[in-house]
Structures are given as C-alpha cells and as structure tokens.
C-alpha cells in the first residue's frame, strides 16, 4: 500500500516555508496561499517570494488559519 493513497489529493497541501506565524502553502490546484501571521511575517514572506519565487502572486486578501484545524499534514516518519 502506498502512503500517497492514504490522503486524497484534494486535501493535500504542501508547506513551502514558514515566516514566524505565517505559512506559505501550495494548494493541489497549483495556487499558493499565505495563511496567518503578523504584518511583519507577511512582509518577510512577500520579500522572500520576490527574491526566490517569482511565480507566486499574492492578493490583498488576508486569510487566517481555522482554529483547531491544520491545513498541512505532517510528514510521516518511519519508526
């Protein structure tokens, strides 16, 4: 059994990078989203994306992470 089949594709998000409390994630449809964080965290994310990830386009929409729900699943580690 392959581990990639345990979580349906529509629920997979990939954590690209964290900037303090802000998370830059890649959604299954190819879009990027910046979730949470203070103004300083978001400014650091914008600057990092302008230098290293030119294909990421940000909107002015500020999104918070839902309480009690994580958008990124932890990677499975062998025991």
C-alpha atoms as a PDB file:
ATOM      1  CA  UNK A   1       0.000   0.000   0.000  1.00  0.00           C
ATOM      2  CA  UNK A   2       1.350   3.375  -0.944  1.00  0.00           C
ATOM      3  CA  UNK A   3       1.249   6.181   1.595  1.00  0.00           C
ATOM      4  CA  UNK A   4       0.244   8.719  -1.030  1.00  0.00           C
ATOM      5  CA  UNK A   5      -3.114   6.951  -1.358  1.00  0.00           C
ATOM      6  CA  UNK A   6      -3.986   7.454   2.325  1.00  0.00           C
ATOM      7  CA  UNK A   7      -4.811  11.144   1.936  1.00  0.00           C
ATOM      8  CA  UNK A   8      -6.994  12.129  -1.031  1.00  0.00           C
ATOM      9  CA  UNK A   9      -5.356  14.547  -3.479  1.00  0.00           C
ATOM     10  CA  UNK A  10      -7.888  17.294  -2.872  1.00  0.00           C
ATOM     11  CA  UNK A  11      -6.820  17.585   0.791  1.00  0.00           C
ATOM     12  CA  UNK A  12      -3.067  17.699   0.199  1.00  0.00           C
ATOM     13  CA  UNK A  13      -1.320  20.962   0.744  1.00  0.00           C
ATOM     14  CA  UNK A  14       2.428  21.369   0.741  1.00  0.00           C
ATOM     15  CA  UNK A  15       4.081  23.694   3.209  1.00  0.00           C
ATOM     16  CA  UNK A  16       6.610  25.730   1.230  1.00  0.00           C
ATOM     17  CA  UNK A  17       8.007  27.896   4.022  1.00  0.00           C
ATOM     18  CA  UNK A  18       7.130  29.449   7.390  1.00  0.00           C
ATOM     19  CA  UNK A  19       7.693  33.086   8.259  1.00  0.00           C
ATOM     20  CA  UNK A  20       7.062  33.360  12.001  1.00  0.00           C
ATOM     21  CA  UNK A  21       3.369  32.509  12.354  1.00  0.00           C
ATOM     22  CA  UNK A  22       2.667  32.876   8.611  1.00  0.00           C
ATOM     23  CA  UNK A  23       2.603  29.762   6.425  1.00  0.00           C
ATOM     24  CA  UNK A  24       3.188  29.776   2.691  1.00  0.00           C
ATOM     25  CA  UNK A  25       1.420  26.693   1.291  1.00  0.00           C
ATOM     26  CA  UNK A  26       0.919  25.266  -2.183  1.00  0.00           C
ATOM     27  CA  UNK A  27      -2.596  24.026  -2.876  1.00  0.00           C
ATOM     28  CA  UNK A  28      -3.375  20.944  -5.008  1.00  0.00           C
ATOM     29  CA  UNK A  29      -4.590  23.136  -7.886  1.00  0.00           C
ATOM     30  CA  UNK A  30      -1.172  24.828  -8.147  1.00  0.00           C
ATOM     31  CA  UNK A  31      -2.086  28.061  -6.379  1.00  0.00           C
ATOM     32  CA  UNK A  32      -0.112  29.409  -3.436  1.00  0.00           C
ATOM     33  CA  UNK A  33      -1.637  30.797  -0.264  1.00  0.00           C
ATOM     34  CA  UNK A  34      -0.193  32.777   2.639  1.00  0.00           C
ATOM     35  CA  UNK A  35      -2.037  31.956   5.852  1.00  0.00           C
ATOM     36  CA  UNK A  36      -1.937  33.830   9.160  1.00  0.00           C
ATOM     37  CA  UNK A  37       0.942  35.770  10.600  1.00  0.00           C
ATOM     38  CA  UNK A  38       1.510  39.342  11.657  1.00  0.00           C
ATOM     39  CA  UNK A  39       2.242  42.216   9.303  1.00  0.00           C
ATOM     40  CA  UNK A  40       5.990  41.703   9.795  1.00  0.00           C
ATOM     41  CA  UNK A  41       5.691  37.976   8.992  1.00  0.00           C
ATOM     42  CA  UNK A  42       3.703  38.713   5.848  1.00  0.00           C
ATOM     43  CA  UNK A  43       6.212  41.383   4.764  1.00  0.00           C
ATOM     44  CA  UNK A  44       9.034  38.862   5.144  1.00  0.00           C
ATOM     45  CA  UNK A  45       7.065  36.380   3.036  1.00  0.00           C
ATOM     46  CA  UNK A  46       6.460  38.956   0.300  1.00  0.00           C
ATOM     47  CA  UNK A  47      10.136  39.851   0.189  1.00  0.00           C
ATOM     48  CA  UNK A  48      11.233  36.188   0.107  1.00  0.00           C
ATOM     49  CA  UNK A  49       8.792  35.451  -2.721  1.00  0.00           C
ATOM     50  CA  UNK A  50      10.006  38.444  -4.722  1.00  0.00           C
ATOM     51  CA  UNK A  51      13.589  37.162  -4.491  1.00  0.00           C
ATOM     52  CA  UNK A  52      13.197  33.391  -4.771  1.00  0.00           C
ATOM     53  CA  UNK A  53       9.711  32.532  -6.059  1.00  0.00           C
ATOM     54  CA  UNK A  54       8.752  34.899  -8.861  1.00  0.00           C
ATOM     55  CA  UNK A  55       5.809  32.731  -9.954  1.00  0.00           C
ATOM     56  CA  UNK A  56       3.914  33.311  -6.686  1.00  0.00           C
ATOM     57  CA  UNK A  57       1.353  36.106  -6.925  1.00  0.00           C
ATOM     58  CA  UNK A  58      -0.218  37.471  -3.738  1.00  0.00           C
ATOM     59  CA  UNK A  59      -3.572  39.198  -3.386  1.00  0.00           C
ATOM     60  CA  UNK A  60      -4.550  41.685  -0.693  1.00  0.00           C
ATOM     61  CA  UNK A  61      -6.788  39.070   0.939  1.00  0.00           C
ATOM     62  CA  UNK A  62      -5.607  38.213   4.484  1.00  0.00           C
ATOM     63  CA  UNK A  63      -6.517  34.659   5.473  1.00  0.00           C
ATOM     64  CA  UNK A  64      -6.319  33.207   8.982  1.00  0.00           C
ATOM     65  CA  UNK A  65      -5.846  29.525   9.749  1.00  0.00           C
ATOM     66  CA  UNK A  66      -9.042  27.928  11.086  1.00  0.00           C
ATOM     67  CA  UNK A  67      -8.932  27.186  14.828  1.00  0.00           C
ATOM     68  CA  UNK A  68      -8.287  23.545  15.628  1.00  0.00           C
ATOM     69  CA  UNK A  69      -7.669  22.579  12.008  1.00  0.00           C
ATOM     70  CA  UNK A  70      -4.279  22.295  10.357  1.00  0.00           C
ATOM     71  CA  UNK A  71      -4.040  22.863   6.632  1.00  0.00           C
ATOM     72  CA  UNK A  72      -0.768  20.978   6.277  1.00  0.00           C
ATOM     73  CA  UNK A  73      -0.483  17.353   7.190  1.00  0.00           C
ATOM     74  CA  UNK A  74       2.725  16.365   8.973  1.00  0.00           C
ATOM     75  CA  UNK A  75       5.079  14.144   7.039  1.00  0.00           C
ATOM     76  CA  UNK A  76       5.052  10.524   8.103  1.00  0.00           C
ATOM     77  CA  UNK A  77       8.310   9.401   9.681  1.00  0.00           C
ATOM     78  CA  UNK A  78       9.495   5.787   9.857  1.00  0.00           C
ATOM     79  CA  UNK A  79       9.621   4.294  13.340  1.00  0.00           C
END
